[in-house]
Protein backbone atom coordinates (compact mmCIF):
# COMPACT_ATOMS: atom_id res chain seq x y z
CA UNK A 1 8.51 -76.83 37.33
CA UNK A 2 4.92 -76.86 35.95
CA UNK A 3 2.39 -78.08 38.45
CA UNK A 4 -1.31 -78.57 39.04
CA UNK A 5 -2.70 -76.55 41.93
CA UNK A 6 -6.24 -76.29 43.23
CA UNK A 7 -8.29 -73.98 45.42
CA UNK A 8 -8.78 -75.34 48.94
CA UNK A 9 -10.49 -72.44 50.70
CA UNK A 10 -13.69 -73.46 52.52
CA UNK A 11 -14.94 -70.17 54.00
CA UNK A 12 -18.46 -68.80 53.77
CA UNK A 13 -17.20 -65.45 52.40
CA UNK A 14 -14.92 -65.18 49.36
CA UNK A 15 -11.27 -66.02 49.96
CA UNK A 16 -8.24 -64.12 48.64
CA UNK A 17 -6.48 -65.63 45.60
CA UNK A 18 -3.29 -64.01 46.87
CA UNK A 19 -3.23 -65.93 50.16
CA UNK A 20 -0.85 -68.89 49.87
CA UNK A 21 -2.68 -71.07 52.39
CA UNK A 22 -5.79 -71.07 50.20
CA UNK A 23 -3.99 -73.29 47.66
CA UNK A 24 -3.16 -76.99 47.61
CA UNK A 25 0.61 -76.41 47.50
CA UNK A 26 0.55 -73.52 50.00
CA UNK A 27 1.77 -71.11 47.32
CA UNK A 28 0.07 -68.50 45.16
CA UNK A 29 -0.15 -69.86 41.57
CA UNK A 30 2.49 -68.74 39.06
CA UNK A 31 2.71 -68.61 35.28
CA UNK A 32 3.83 -72.27 35.26
CA UNK A 33 0.74 -73.58 37.07
CA UNK A 34 -2.47 -75.21 35.86
CA UNK A 35 -5.10 -73.83 38.25
CA UNK A 36 -8.27 -75.73 39.18
CA UNK A 37 -11.42 -74.82 41.08
CA UNK A 38 -13.04 -78.14 42.03
CA UNK A 39 -16.51 -78.66 43.47
CA UNK A 40 -15.37 -80.61 46.48
CA UNK A 41 -17.51 -80.14 49.62
CA UNK A 42 -17.30 -76.65 51.03
CA UNK A 43 -15.08 -75.12 48.36
CA UNK A 44 -15.76 -71.40 48.56
CA UNK A 45 -15.62 -68.44 46.22
CA UNK A 46 -12.42 -66.57 45.36
CA UNK A 47 -11.41 -62.96 44.73
CA UNK A 48 -8.32 -61.88 42.78
CA UNK A 49 -7.24 -58.30 43.49
CA UNK A 50 -3.99 -58.26 41.51
CA UNK A 51 -3.05 -59.00 37.90
CA UNK A 52 -2.47 -62.73 37.49
CA UNK A 53 -0.78 -64.92 34.88
CA UNK A 54 -1.17 -68.69 35.02
CA UNK A 55 -0.70 -71.48 32.54
CA UNK A 56 -4.37 -72.48 32.50
CA UNK A 57 -7.58 -72.02 34.50
CA UNK A 58 -10.32 -74.62 34.91
CA UNK A 59 -13.59 -74.32 36.84
CA UNK A 60 -14.99 -77.84 36.93
CA UNK A 61 -18.59 -78.80 36.31
CA UNK A 62 -19.32 -79.40 40.00
CA UNK A 63 -17.80 -76.12 41.23
CA UNK A 64 -20.55 -73.83 42.59
CA UNK A 65 -18.61 -70.79 43.76
CA UNK A 66 -17.82 -67.46 42.11
CA UNK A 67 -14.40 -66.37 40.84
CA UNK A 68 -14.27 -62.57 40.99
CA UNK A 69 -11.52 -60.87 39.00
CA UNK A 70 -10.86 -57.33 40.16
CA UNK A 71 -7.74 -57.26 37.97
CA UNK A 72 -6.60 -58.86 34.73
CA UNK A 73 -6.09 -62.60 34.24
CA UNK A 74 -3.78 -63.98 31.53
CA UNK A 75 -3.88 -67.65 30.52
CA UNK A 76 -0.87 -68.81 28.55
CA UNK A 77 -2.47 -72.12 27.56
CA UNK A 78 -6.27 -71.95 27.85
CA UNK A 79 -8.35 -74.02 30.23
CA UNK A 80 -12.08 -74.50 30.77
CA UNK A 81 -15.18 -72.96 32.32
CA UNK A 82 -17.65 -75.74 33.12
CA UNK A 83 -19.22 -74.68 36.42
CA UNK A 84 -19.63 -71.81 38.87
CA UNK A 85 -19.59 -68.13 37.93
CA UNK A 86 -16.86 -65.80 36.64
CA UNK A 87 -17.34 -62.10 37.53
CA UNK A 88 -15.31 -59.14 36.19
CA UNK A 89 -16.63 -56.08 38.03
CA UNK A 90 -13.86 -53.64 37.08
CA UNK A 91 -14.51 -53.45 33.37
CA UNK A 92 -11.33 -53.16 31.29
CA UNK A 93 -9.24 -53.73 34.41
CA UNK A 94 -10.75 -57.21 34.70
CA UNK A 95 -9.91 -58.44 31.18
CA UNK A 96 -9.30 -62.15 30.57
CA UNK A 97 -6.71 -62.92 27.88
CA UNK A 98 -6.05 -66.35 26.35
CA UNK A 99 -2.63 -66.33 24.71
CA UNK A 100 -2.67 -69.78 23.11
CA UNK A 101 -4.26 -73.20 23.49
CA UNK A 102 -8.03 -73.69 23.86
CA UNK A 103 -10.38 -72.25 26.47
CA UNK A 104 -13.73 -74.06 26.60
CA UNK A 105 -16.99 -72.61 27.89
CA UNK A 106 -19.34 -75.60 28.03
CA UNK A 107 -22.49 -76.09 30.11
CA UNK A 108 -22.94 -79.84 30.32
CA UNK A 109 -26.33 -81.56 30.69
CA UNK A 110 -28.17 -78.52 29.27
CA UNK A 111 -27.00 -76.43 32.21
CA UNK A 112 -26.18 -72.72 32.32
CA UNK A 113 -23.04 -70.63 32.73
CA UNK A 114 -22.54 -66.96 33.52
CA UNK A 115 -19.49 -65.04 32.35
CA UNK A 116 -19.58 -61.54 33.88
CA UNK A 117 -23.35 -61.28 33.56
CA UNK A 118 -23.85 -58.81 36.41
CA UNK A 119 -20.65 -56.76 36.37
CA UNK A 120 -19.50 -53.84 34.25
CA UNK A 121 -18.74 -54.47 30.60
CA UNK A 122 -15.37 -56.16 30.35
CA UNK A 123 -13.34 -58.03 27.72
CA UNK A 124 -12.49 -61.62 26.88
CA UNK A 125 -9.49 -61.42 24.56
CA UNK A 126 -8.45 -64.35 22.35
CA UNK A 127 -4.94 -63.96 20.96
CA UNK A 128 -3.74 -65.74 17.84
CA UNK A 129 -3.32 -68.75 17.76
CA UNK A 130 -5.63 -69.35 20.74
CA UNK A 131 -9.16 -70.80 20.48
CA UNK A 132 -12.34 -70.04 22.43
CA UNK A 133 -14.97 -72.78 22.22
CA UNK A 134 -18.51 -72.01 23.42
CA UNK A 135 -21.34 -74.44 23.75
CA UNK A 136 -22.74 -77.81 23.15
CA UNK A 137 -26.32 -76.97 23.98
CA UNK A 138 -26.94 -75.32 27.32
CA UNK A 139 -27.44 -71.67 28.16
CA UNK A 140 -24.75 -68.99 28.34
CA UNK A 141 -24.86 -65.38 29.53
CA UNK A 142 -21.89 -63.25 28.48
CA UNK A 143 -21.17 -59.71 29.66
CA UNK A 144 -17.80 -59.42 27.92
CA UNK A 145 -16.85 -58.00 24.58
CA UNK A 146 -15.23 -60.91 22.80
CA UNK A 147 -12.13 -59.61 21.05
CA UNK A 148 -10.93 -62.37 18.78
CA UNK A 149 -7.62 -62.51 16.96
CA UNK A 150 -7.51 -66.32 16.93
CA UNK A 151 -10.48 -68.67 16.57
CA UNK A 152 -13.91 -68.68 18.22
CA UNK A 153 -16.21 -71.66 17.68
CA UNK A 154 -19.82 -71.62 18.88
CA UNK A 155 -21.70 -74.94 18.74
CA UNK A 156 -20.67 -78.51 18.06
CA UNK A 157 -22.09 -79.02 14.59
CA UNK A 158 -25.61 -80.01 15.64
CA UNK A 159 -26.73 -77.60 18.37
CA UNK A 160 -25.63 -74.12 19.38
CA UNK A 161 -27.89 -73.58 22.36
CA UNK A 162 -28.76 -70.20 23.85
CA UNK A 163 -26.02 -67.55 24.11
CA UNK A 164 -27.13 -64.17 25.48
CA UNK A 165 -24.95 -61.05 25.42
CA UNK A 166 -25.62 -58.48 28.17
CA UNK A 167 -23.95 -55.24 29.34
CA UNK A 168 -23.98 -53.97 25.71
CA UNK A 169 -21.38 -56.63 24.92
CA UNK A 170 -20.60 -57.71 21.36
CA UNK A 171 -17.88 -59.19 19.19
CA UNK A 172 -14.83 -57.66 17.53
CA UNK A 173 -13.44 -60.28 15.19
CA UNK A 174 -10.18 -60.04 13.30
CA UNK A 175 -9.58 -63.80 13.32
CA UNK A 176 -12.02 -66.64 12.54
CA UNK A 177 -15.47 -66.84 14.13
CA UNK A 178 -17.38 -70.08 13.42
CA UNK A 179 -21.05 -70.81 14.12
CA UNK A 180 -21.63 -74.56 13.80
CA UNK A 181 -25.15 -75.84 14.35
CA UNK A 182 -28.56 -76.35 12.83
CA UNK A 183 -30.45 -74.50 15.57
CA UNK A 184 -29.94 -72.07 18.42
CA UNK A 185 -30.00 -68.39 19.32
CA UNK A 186 -27.24 -65.83 19.79
CA UNK A 187 -29.24 -63.22 21.64
CA UNK A 188 -29.05 -59.94 23.52
CA UNK A 189 -30.93 -58.65 26.51
CA UNK A 190 -33.58 -56.04 25.87
CA UNK A 191 -31.51 -52.87 26.08
CA UNK A 192 -28.15 -54.08 24.82
CA UNK A 193 -26.55 -52.23 21.90
CA UNK A 194 -23.78 -54.70 21.12
CA UNK A 195 -22.71 -55.33 17.53
CA UNK A 196 -20.39 -57.66 15.60
CA UNK A 197 -17.59 -55.75 13.91
CA UNK A 198 -15.82 -58.10 11.52
CA UNK A 199 -12.46 -57.58 9.85
CA UNK A 200 -11.67 -61.30 9.68
CA UNK A 201 -13.74 -64.36 8.71
CA UNK A 202 -17.23 -64.94 10.12
CA UNK A 203 -18.78 -68.22 8.95
CA UNK A 204 -22.03 -70.10 9.58
CA UNK A 205 -22.27 -73.81 8.80
CA UNK A 206 -25.71 -75.21 9.54
CA UNK A 207 -27.68 -78.06 8.07
CA UNK A 208 -30.09 -77.77 5.15
CA UNK A 209 -31.82 -74.60 4.04
CA UNK A 210 -34.62 -75.04 6.59
CA UNK A 211 -32.21 -75.01 9.54
CA UNK A 212 -31.93 -71.53 11.07
CA UNK A 213 -29.81 -69.90 13.74
CA UNK A 214 -31.13 -66.60 15.08
CA UNK A 215 -28.32 -64.05 15.55
CA UNK A 216 -29.54 -60.93 17.33
CA UNK A 217 -26.38 -58.82 17.22
CA UNK A 218 -26.26 -56.52 14.18
CA UNK A 219 -23.33 -57.24 11.88
CA UNK A 220 -20.79 -54.99 10.13
CA UNK A 221 -18.20 -56.15 7.58
CA UNK A 222 -15.60 -53.46 7.99
CA UNK A 223 -12.38 -54.19 6.05
CA UNK A 224 -11.17 -55.19 2.60
CA UNK A 225 -10.34 -58.73 3.73
CA UNK A 226 -13.45 -59.22 5.88
CA UNK A 227 -15.65 -62.20 4.99
CA UNK A 228 -19.21 -63.12 5.93
CA UNK A 229 -19.72 -66.66 4.63
CA UNK A 230 -22.89 -68.75 4.91
CA UNK A 231 -21.99 -72.32 4.02
CA UNK A 232 -25.29 -74.09 4.78
CA UNK A 233 -28.61 -73.33 6.47
CA UNK A 234 -30.05 -69.88 7.14
CA UNK A 235 -28.34 -67.30 9.33
CA UNK A 236 -30.96 -64.87 10.61
CA UNK A 237 -29.72 -61.41 11.64
CA UNK A 238 -32.91 -60.34 13.37
CA UNK A 239 -31.99 -57.00 14.93
CA UNK A 240 -31.21 -53.58 13.45
CA UNK A 241 -28.08 -51.66 14.34
CA UNK A 242 -28.86 -48.66 16.53
CA UNK A 243 -26.87 -46.36 14.22
CA UNK A 244 -27.24 -47.94 10.79
CA UNK A 245 -30.83 -49.14 11.02
CA UNK A 246 -29.85 -52.32 9.12
CA UNK A 247 -29.30 -55.89 10.29
CA UNK A 248 -26.17 -56.32 8.12
CA UNK A 249 -23.92 -53.58 6.79
CA UNK A 250 -21.05 -54.24 4.42
CA UNK A 251 -18.69 -51.29 4.33
CA UNK A 252 -16.08 -53.41 2.61
CA UNK A 253 -15.10 -57.05 2.29
CA UNK A 254 -17.10 -59.98 0.92
CA UNK A 255 -20.48 -61.53 1.67
CA UNK A 256 -20.59 -65.05 0.27
CA UNK A 257 -23.75 -67.20 0.23
CA UNK A 258 -23.22 -70.83 -0.69
CA UNK A 259 -25.63 -73.23 -2.38
CA UNK A 260 -28.43 -74.45 -0.06
CA UNK A 261 -27.80 -71.46 2.22
CA UNK A 262 -29.53 -68.20 2.94
CA UNK A 263 -28.94 -64.84 4.61
CA UNK A 264 -31.96 -63.55 6.57
CA UNK A 265 -31.99 -59.83 7.35
CA UNK A 266 -35.09 -58.72 9.24
CA UNK A 267 -34.05 -55.07 9.02
CA UNK A 268 -32.33 -55.27 5.66
CA UNK A 269 -28.89 -55.66 4.10
CA UNK A 270 -26.98 -52.54 3.09
CA UNK A 271 -23.79 -52.57 1.02
CA UNK A 272 -21.52 -49.58 0.66
CA UNK A 273 -18.56 -51.40 -0.86
CA UNK A 274 -17.03 -54.80 -1.31
CA UNK A 275 -18.55 -57.83 -3.00
CA UNK A 276 -21.78 -59.83 -2.73
CA UNK A 277 -21.28 -63.24 -4.30
CA UNK A 278 -22.41 -66.84 -4.43
CA UNK A 279 -19.85 -69.62 -4.42
CA UNK A 280 -19.58 -71.53 -7.66
CA UNK A 281 -22.30 -69.55 -9.38
CA UNK A 282 -25.00 -70.91 -7.08
CA UNK A 283 -28.18 -69.23 -5.83
CA UNK A 284 -27.58 -66.40 -3.37
CA UNK A 285 -30.72 -66.14 -1.22
CA UNK A 286 -31.35 -63.03 0.86
CA UNK A 287 -34.57 -62.97 2.90
CA UNK A 288 -35.34 -59.29 3.40
CA UNK A 289 -34.69 -55.99 1.65
CA UNK A 290 -31.34 -55.27 -0.02
CA UNK A 291 -29.95 -51.76 -0.50
CA UNK A 292 -26.72 -51.24 -2.45
CA UNK A 293 -24.95 -47.89 -2.51
CA UNK A 294 -21.68 -49.24 -3.87
CA UNK A 295 -19.49 -52.27 -4.28
CA UNK A 296 -20.26 -55.08 -6.69
CA UNK A 297 -22.21 -58.28 -7.23
CA UNK A 298 -20.47 -61.29 -8.77
CA UNK A 299 -22.59 -64.38 -9.26
CA UNK A 300 -20.31 -66.20 -11.63
CA UNK A 301 -20.70 -68.14 -14.82
CA UNK A 302 -23.98 -70.07 -14.86
CA UNK A 303 -25.02 -73.41 -16.31
CA UNK A 304 -27.87 -75.80 -15.66
CA UNK A 305 -26.50 -76.91 -12.29
CA UNK A 306 -24.76 -73.70 -11.23
CA UNK A 307 -26.88 -70.72 -12.17
CA UNK A 308 -25.73 -67.32 -11.03
CA UNK A 309 -28.93 -66.27 -9.30
CA UNK A 310 -29.56 -63.53 -6.77
CA UNK A 311 -32.98 -64.10 -5.20
CA UNK A 312 -34.08 -61.28 -2.92
CA UNK A 313 -37.19 -62.16 -0.92
CA UNK A 314 -38.10 -58.50 -0.61
CA UNK A 315 -37.12 -55.27 -2.39
CA UNK A 316 -33.83 -54.84 -4.25
CA UNK A 317 -32.61 -51.25 -4.53
CA UNK A 318 -29.32 -50.42 -6.21
CA UNK A 319 -28.28 -46.78 -6.64
CA UNK A 320 -24.55 -47.38 -6.79
CA UNK A 321 -22.02 -50.07 -7.53
CA UNK A 322 -21.93 -52.58 -10.38
CA UNK A 323 -23.71 -55.85 -11.09
CA UNK A 324 -21.26 -58.01 -13.07
CA UNK A 325 -22.76 -60.63 -15.38
CA UNK A 326 -21.16 -63.29 -17.56
CA UNK A 327 -23.30 -64.79 -20.32
CA UNK A 328 -22.23 -67.99 -22.04
CA UNK A 329 -24.31 -68.56 -25.16
CA UNK A 330 -23.61 -72.30 -24.93
CA UNK A 331 -25.01 -72.61 -21.39
CA UNK A 332 -28.54 -73.76 -20.67
CA UNK A 333 -29.11 -71.30 -17.81
CA UNK A 334 -27.43 -67.99 -17.13
CA UNK A 335 -27.41 -65.28 -14.47
CA UNK A 336 -30.68 -64.01 -13.00
CA UNK A 337 -31.84 -61.50 -10.45
CA UNK A 338 -35.20 -62.07 -8.74
CA UNK A 339 -36.98 -59.77 -6.31
CA UNK A 340 -40.32 -60.69 -4.78
CA UNK A 341 -41.58 -57.10 -4.59
CA UNK A 342 -39.72 -54.27 -6.37
CA UNK A 343 -36.45 -53.84 -8.25
CA UNK A 344 -35.15 -50.29 -8.30
CA UNK A 345 -31.99 -49.70 -10.33
CA UNK A 346 -31.15 -46.02 -10.42
CA UNK A 347 -28.53 -43.31 -9.93
CA UNK A 348 -24.99 -44.56 -10.33
CA UNK A 349 -25.88 -48.24 -10.41
CA UNK A 350 -24.34 -50.15 -13.30
CA UNK A 351 -24.85 -53.43 -15.11
CA UNK A 352 -21.67 -54.73 -16.75
CA UNK A 353 -22.14 -57.73 -19.04
CA UNK A 354 -19.49 -59.93 -20.62
CA UNK A 355 -20.54 -62.47 -23.25
CA UNK A 356 -18.54 -65.51 -24.30
CA UNK A 357 -19.06 -68.16 -26.97
CA UNK A 358 -21.43 -65.89 -28.89
CA UNK A 359 -22.73 -67.38 -32.15
CA UNK A 360 -23.09 -65.32 -35.31
CA UNK A 361 -26.80 -64.78 -34.74
CA UNK A 362 -26.32 -63.53 -31.17
CA UNK A 363 -27.35 -64.86 -27.78
CA UNK A 364 -30.76 -66.57 -27.72
CA UNK A 365 -33.11 -64.56 -25.54
CA UNK A 366 -33.97 -67.49 -23.28
CA UNK A 367 -30.29 -67.94 -22.48
CA UNK A 368 -29.72 -64.30 -21.66
CA UNK A 369 -29.40 -62.57 -18.29
CA UNK A 370 -32.88 -62.21 -16.80
CA UNK A 371 -34.45 -59.81 -14.33
CA UNK A 372 -37.52 -61.35 -12.75
CA UNK A 373 -39.58 -58.70 -11.07
CA UNK A 374 -42.49 -58.64 -8.65
CA UNK A 375 -45.85 -57.00 -9.19
CA UNK A 376 -44.60 -53.41 -9.03
CA UNK A 377 -42.36 -53.40 -12.09
CA UNK A 378 -38.79 -52.24 -12.51
CA UNK A 379 -38.29 -48.61 -11.62
CA UNK A 380 -35.42 -46.18 -12.13
CA UNK A 381 -32.74 -45.52 -14.73
CA UNK A 382 -29.25 -46.93 -14.48
CA UNK A 383 -26.02 -47.33 -16.40
CA UNK A 384 -25.74 -50.37 -18.68
CA UNK A 385 -22.24 -51.19 -19.90
CA UNK A 386 -21.86 -53.40 -22.99
CA UNK A 387 -25.58 -54.14 -23.05
CA UNK A 388 -28.98 -52.68 -23.86
CA UNK A 389 -32.28 -53.77 -22.37
CA UNK A 390 -35.07 -55.01 -24.58
CA UNK A 391 -38.28 -54.20 -22.73
CA UNK A 392 -40.58 -54.64 -25.75
CA UNK A 393 -43.56 -56.91 -25.47
CA UNK A 394 -42.04 -59.55 -27.69
CA UNK A 395 -39.46 -60.25 -24.98
CA UNK A 396 -41.82 -59.81 -22.06
CA UNK A 397 -43.93 -62.63 -20.73
CA UNK A 398 -45.99 -63.29 -17.62
CA UNK A 399 -45.19 -65.98 -15.08
CA UNK A 400 -47.47 -66.95 -12.24
CA UNK A 401 -45.32 -68.55 -9.54
CA UNK A 402 -46.89 -70.45 -6.67
CA UNK A 403 -48.27 -68.01 -4.11
CA UNK A 404 -47.47 -64.91 -6.18
CA UNK A 405 -49.04 -62.65 -8.75
CA UNK A 406 -47.81 -62.11 -12.31
CA UNK A 407 -44.13 -61.37 -12.82
CA UNK A 408 -42.49 -59.75 -15.77
CA UNK A 409 -39.28 -61.15 -17.19
CA UNK A 410 -36.84 -58.74 -18.77
CA UNK A 411 -34.11 -60.03 -21.02
CA UNK A 412 -31.05 -58.19 -22.18
CA UNK A 413 -29.80 -58.40 -25.73
CA UNK A 414 -26.08 -58.16 -26.29
């Protein structure tokens, strides 16, 4: 029969999980038991030296001891970590696995929690369809690689708090990883080399465009079905990968930037394959330098309210891949690419333009695809499919945006 059991050991030194008399029912917990560590007076720390499977594990907010796992722990139905410390000193031999249900890691009242912060690098594994929920404010130190096949949610929609990865820990995501909040930091300690490797869906949903979450683990989209989606706010990848030298690398998959959202890449965005797009033909904002060696850009069919615009607040370099453009001669505003410094289109880069609703006299130049360039001019030669550029003075004009020098606008004629 399922039962609720709790830790009753009161000693000054850690007690043995495997000793029956240390439990409320005088029996070592089984796979049918919900296990609790309460903060009642004198409740001591615990050590588990054998592989354990229980229904759920909960460390309550008032618990002040340490649960040390020298072997694996499997939770068939989640639980919660609200107080105390969890240590996993034996690395892979101390893995925690959540098979289903929800496991919460929440530091109430702006408190702090430590998950394996001082042990060897270990693993917190989230099976499908299980959920790991981290945060509502507070401070969290995590020394586990989070391996997610189910769902991980960080933040409660308004505040993420401070989550710091140590021990070179990172994230391997093949499920769904959600960041929900208009502020907060997902950080690393000074010498950590952790990274996010994504083959599933990684999504940020903040507030308005001025709301920013700082994410200090470099990011890699690494599979055909992988998705990096920024729904609202700015997601700031502020650290370069130790091998790639970039903040975000897309080997394959899709990077999608919604309207009123932005991707911030302090050490640049590099795309080898896959797709860079904006949902609904909106503005895709990337704050930092963009380098494309392959893949494609799809910004959709533009109109006055849904222009297909790629705005790079930095340098845009494309020496491979294809920029796909759709021009509708009946629309008031079509696709644009803007770079605040330099646009370099060269090598095997291609521009592939499709026109629809073309009148007999052609597409008016002010409704054509536009390249808005910074002070340095467009450099390089590239492949243009179904289109030729008109760089003559008659189609070149100067714009003086706020806080910037003259820009040149290049139209294409179809």
